[in-house]
Protein backbone atom coordinates (compact mmCIF):
# COMPACT_ATOMS: atom_id res chain seq x y z
CA MET A 1 284.46 228.84 167.27
CA ARG A 2 283.80 226.82 164.17
CA VAL A 3 280.42 225.33 165.70
CA LEU A 4 279.36 228.95 166.13
CA THR A 5 280.35 229.55 164.24
CA LEU A 6 284.63 227.99 162.99
CA VAL A 7 289.60 235.66 151.90
CA LEU A 8 287.50 233.76 149.78
CA CYS A 9 284.84 235.54 147.71
CA VAL A 10 281.67 233.51 148.00
CA PHE A 11 279.20 233.28 145.15
CA LEU A 12 275.90 231.66 146.00
CA PRO A 13 274.74 228.98 143.58
CA GLY A 14 271.72 230.01 141.57
CA LEU A 15 268.29 229.15 142.91
CA ALA A 16 264.86 229.75 141.54
CA LEU A 17 264.12 233.38 140.65
CA ALA A 18 261.55 233.48 143.44
CA ALA A 19 264.20 232.77 146.07
CA ASP A 20 264.20 234.89 149.22
CA ARG A 21 267.61 236.37 150.02
CA ALA A 22 268.60 237.57 153.49
CA VAL A 23 271.80 238.73 155.16
CA SER A 24 272.23 238.37 158.93
CA ARG A 25 275.08 239.65 161.07
CA TYR A 26 276.22 238.41 164.47
CA ASP A 27 278.80 239.47 167.06
CA ILE A 28 281.06 236.77 168.52
CA ALA A 29 282.41 237.22 172.05
CA ILE A 30 284.53 235.22 174.49
CA ARG A 31 283.98 235.93 178.18
CA GLY A 32 282.14 239.11 177.20
CA PHE A 33 285.00 240.39 175.01
CA ARG A 34 284.06 240.86 171.35
CA VAL A 35 286.50 238.93 169.20
CA GLY A 36 284.78 238.49 165.84
CA GLU A 37 281.79 238.90 163.61
CA LEU A 38 279.77 236.48 161.51
CA ARG A 39 277.90 237.33 158.32
CA LEU A 40 275.41 234.83 156.87
CA THR A 41 273.94 235.24 153.40
CA VAL A 42 271.04 232.91 152.74
CA GLU A 43 268.86 232.22 149.73
CA GLU A 44 265.78 230.05 150.13
CA ALA A 45 263.39 228.80 147.49
CA PRO A 46 260.74 226.08 147.76
CA GLY A 47 262.63 222.96 148.75
CA GLN A 48 266.06 224.54 148.31
CA TYR A 49 268.59 226.49 150.35
CA SER A 50 271.94 228.15 149.76
CA VAL A 51 274.05 229.69 152.51
CA ALA A 52 277.40 231.47 152.67
CA ALA A 53 279.28 232.40 155.83
CA ALA A 54 282.10 234.80 156.55
CA VAL A 55 283.73 235.01 159.97
CA ASP A 56 286.46 237.56 160.72
CA SER A 57 288.32 238.58 163.84
CA VAL A 58 287.93 242.16 165.08
CA GLY A 59 289.71 244.61 167.38
CA ALA A 60 292.87 243.62 169.20
CA VAL A 61 292.33 239.96 168.37
CA GLY A 62 292.19 240.85 164.69
CA PHE A 63 295.49 242.69 165.02
CA PHE A 64 297.50 240.26 167.15
CA ARG A 65 295.97 236.92 166.13
CA PRO A 66 293.62 237.28 163.17
CA PHE A 67 291.31 234.42 162.25
CA SER A 68 288.86 233.89 159.44
CA TYR A 69 286.41 231.34 158.07
CA ARG A 70 284.73 231.28 154.68
CA ALA A 71 282.25 228.63 153.66
CA ARG A 72 279.41 227.98 151.27
CA ALA A 73 276.84 225.19 151.13
CA TRP A 74 273.67 224.40 149.25
CA GLY A 75 271.14 221.63 149.07
CA THR A 76 267.50 220.76 149.57
CA VAL A 77 265.19 220.92 152.57
CA GLN A 78 261.89 219.18 153.14
CA ASN A 79 259.76 219.12 156.28
CA GLY A 80 262.57 220.81 158.18
CA ARG A 81 265.13 218.19 157.16
CA PHE A 82 268.24 219.46 155.40
CA ARG A 83 269.97 217.42 152.71
CA PRO A 84 273.25 219.07 151.62
CA ALA A 85 274.55 218.72 148.08
CA SER A 86 277.81 220.67 148.26
CA TYR A 87 280.06 222.27 150.88
CA ALA A 88 283.38 224.14 150.66
CA GLU A 89 285.37 226.00 153.30
CA THR A 90 288.64 227.78 153.98
CA ALA A 91 289.68 228.49 157.56
CA ASP A 92 292.56 230.27 159.25
CA THR A 93 292.74 230.01 163.04
CA GLY A 94 295.76 232.30 163.28
CA ARG A 95 297.96 229.25 163.75
CA ARG A 96 296.68 226.83 161.12
CA GLN A 97 295.10 227.07 157.68
CA SER A 98 292.79 224.42 156.27
CA GLU A 99 290.51 223.79 153.32
CA ALA A 100 287.78 221.26 152.59
CA GLU A 101 285.36 220.47 149.80
CA LEU A 102 282.56 217.90 150.03
CA ARG A 103 279.99 216.77 147.51
CA TYR A 104 277.02 214.54 148.34
CA VAL A 105 275.65 211.68 146.28
CA GLY A 106 272.45 210.16 147.58
CA GLY A 107 273.03 211.92 150.92
CA VAL A 108 276.51 210.39 151.30
CA PRO A 109 279.48 212.80 151.44
CA GLU A 110 282.38 212.46 149.05
CA VAL A 111 285.54 214.28 150.14
CA ARG A 112 286.88 216.08 147.07
CA SER A 113 289.67 217.73 149.05
CA TYR A 114 290.70 218.07 152.67
CA THR A 115 293.91 219.79 153.75
CA SER A 116 294.84 220.54 157.34
CA PRO A 117 298.17 220.66 159.19
CA ARG A 118 296.51 218.83 162.08
CA PRO A 119 295.85 215.18 161.18
CA PRO A 120 292.56 213.64 162.33
CA GLY A 121 292.36 211.05 165.08
CA ALA A 122 292.99 207.38 164.44
CA ASP A 123 289.24 206.66 164.49
CA SER A 124 288.40 209.12 161.70
CA PRO A 125 285.34 207.61 159.99
CA ASP A 126 285.12 206.51 156.38
CA PRO A 127 283.09 209.16 154.48
CA ALA A 128 281.14 206.35 152.79
CA THR A 129 279.63 205.52 156.20
CA GLN A 130 278.48 209.09 156.88
CA GLY A 131 275.24 209.14 154.93
CA GLY A 132 272.64 211.51 156.38
CA THR A 133 275.17 213.78 158.10
CA LEU A 134 275.30 217.54 157.68
CA ASP A 135 278.22 219.74 156.75
CA PRO A 136 279.24 222.33 159.39
CA LEU A 137 277.65 225.29 157.61
CA THR A 138 274.31 223.62 156.97
CA ALA A 139 274.26 222.63 160.64
CA MET A 140 275.05 226.23 161.62
CA TRP A 141 272.15 227.50 159.53
CA ALA A 142 269.85 224.80 160.92
CA VAL A 143 270.57 226.12 164.43
CA LEU A 144 270.53 229.85 163.67
CA GLY A 145 267.82 229.86 161.05
CA ASP A 146 264.33 229.34 162.34
CA GLY A 147 264.25 227.44 165.59
CA MET A 148 263.52 224.07 164.02
CA ALA A 149 266.70 222.63 165.57
CA CYS A 150 265.12 222.51 169.03
CA GLY A 151 264.32 218.93 170.00
CA LYS A 152 266.67 217.52 167.37
CA THR A 153 270.11 215.97 167.04
CA LEU A 154 272.17 217.23 164.10
CA VAL A 155 275.08 214.95 163.17
CA LEU A 156 278.00 216.71 161.48
CA PHE A 157 280.84 215.43 159.29
CA ASP A 158 283.48 217.88 158.06
CA GLY A 159 285.49 215.49 155.90
CA ALA A 160 287.48 213.89 158.73
CA ARG A 161 285.63 214.39 162.01
CA ARG A 162 282.15 213.42 163.20
CA SER A 163 280.32 215.36 165.92
CA HIS A 164 276.80 216.31 166.87
CA VAL A 165 274.69 219.18 168.11
CA ARG A 166 271.87 217.92 170.32
CA LEU A 167 269.21 220.36 171.51
CA GLY A 168 266.34 219.67 173.86
CA PRO A 169 262.72 220.72 173.32
CA GLN A 170 261.94 224.40 173.17
CA ARG A 171 260.68 226.24 176.22
CA ALA A 172 258.69 229.45 176.14
CA VAL A 173 260.42 232.50 177.64
CA ALA A 174 259.58 236.17 177.59
CA GLY A 175 259.68 237.35 174.00
CA GLY A 176 260.52 234.00 172.44
CA VAL A 177 261.67 230.44 173.07
CA THR A 178 264.88 228.77 174.19
CA CYS A 179 266.41 225.31 174.15
CA THR A 180 269.53 223.83 175.73
CA GLY A 181 271.83 221.03 174.69
CA GLU A 182 275.40 220.30 173.69
CA TYR A 183 278.00 220.08 170.98
CA ARG A 184 279.87 216.75 171.32
CA ARG A 185 282.98 215.40 169.62
CA LEU A 186 282.37 211.84 168.42
CA GLU A 187 285.00 210.47 166.03
CA GLY A 188 288.16 211.62 164.27
CA PHE A 189 289.43 213.87 167.06
CA THR A 190 292.93 213.54 168.48
CA GLU A 191 293.66 212.35 172.00
CA GLU A 192 294.85 215.87 172.80
CA GLU A 193 291.53 217.38 171.68
CA LEU A 194 289.53 214.83 173.64
CA SER A 195 291.67 215.33 176.74
CA ARG A 196 290.71 219.01 176.74
CA HIS A 197 286.99 218.69 176.08
CA VAL A 198 284.60 216.12 174.70
CA PHE A 199 281.34 218.05 174.94
CA PHE A 200 280.35 221.70 175.19
CA PRO A 201 277.04 222.77 176.81
CA MET A 202 275.05 225.27 174.77
CA THR A 203 271.87 227.32 174.90
CA VAL A 204 270.02 228.93 172.00
CA ARG A 205 267.41 231.67 172.36
CA TYR A 206 265.01 232.42 169.49
CA THR A 207 262.84 235.48 168.94
CA PRO A 208 260.35 236.20 166.15
CA GLY A 209 261.22 238.62 163.37
CA PRO A 210 258.88 241.05 161.58
CA ASP A 211 257.47 238.18 159.53
CA GLY A 212 256.84 236.11 162.65
CA ARG A 213 259.54 233.52 161.86
CA LEU A 214 261.86 232.55 164.68
CA SER A 215 265.59 233.07 164.38
CA ALA A 216 268.43 232.79 166.87
CA GLU A 217 268.96 235.96 168.86
CA ARG A 218 271.70 234.53 171.07
CA VAL A 219 273.77 231.36 171.27
CA GLU A 220 275.86 230.51 174.32
CA VAL A 221 278.52 227.78 174.24
CA GLN A 222 280.97 226.78 176.96
CA SER A 223 284.19 226.74 174.92
CA VAL A 224 287.75 225.80 175.87
CA TYR A 225 288.36 229.54 176.33
CA GLY A 226 285.32 230.20 178.52
CA LEU A 227 281.76 231.25 177.67
CA ALA A 228 281.42 232.02 173.98
CA THR A 229 278.39 233.95 172.74
CA VAL A 230 276.95 234.76 169.33
CA ASP A 231 274.48 237.66 169.30
CA ARG A 232 272.39 238.77 166.36
CA ARG A 233 272.71 242.45 165.59
């Protein structure tokens, strides 16, 4: 849920006055049953980006086992390549609460704080070796934003765990384009997590908006709970 994802008030860092600001909303479902909603607030200026995410459970799930995720990230982007500068998150799965804050120096993450009741795996990588990786929220925006993730591999580091999203080249379909790939756990995951799943097949469908830019209309991921979908409203 976090890759699609995964009650903190989020304030976007200031960008240039000419920044474009957009809010997108998505429905999250498991096996066709709506369980949550995602709200993304994005500001973009030449060479810069800032994104905030809020995920909340809805309906019966929200009553019996509420979950939430709040995150914010900002950085620079050039030729479709994101370079995060800061990332912070709070997450509540309904069973566990966690927080993380990362800052980047020369593209290398520094873990300012990381608290989770579930310890990482024995092979959790040293943050100093994770230069060039993306934080989870920047990776989410790279996939949902404008279709530039097709044909790329995005390597993620959340402060303790390393994973990747790998998408194949885009294919034209009626009304847009699509690409398929996977989310894969790489390092820092426990033996229990790896015994359940190591990789998760995924498909992303993009359609053009009024300005002609592509954005994700639907994401499908085979999760441990069955088919998970994220649909733009």
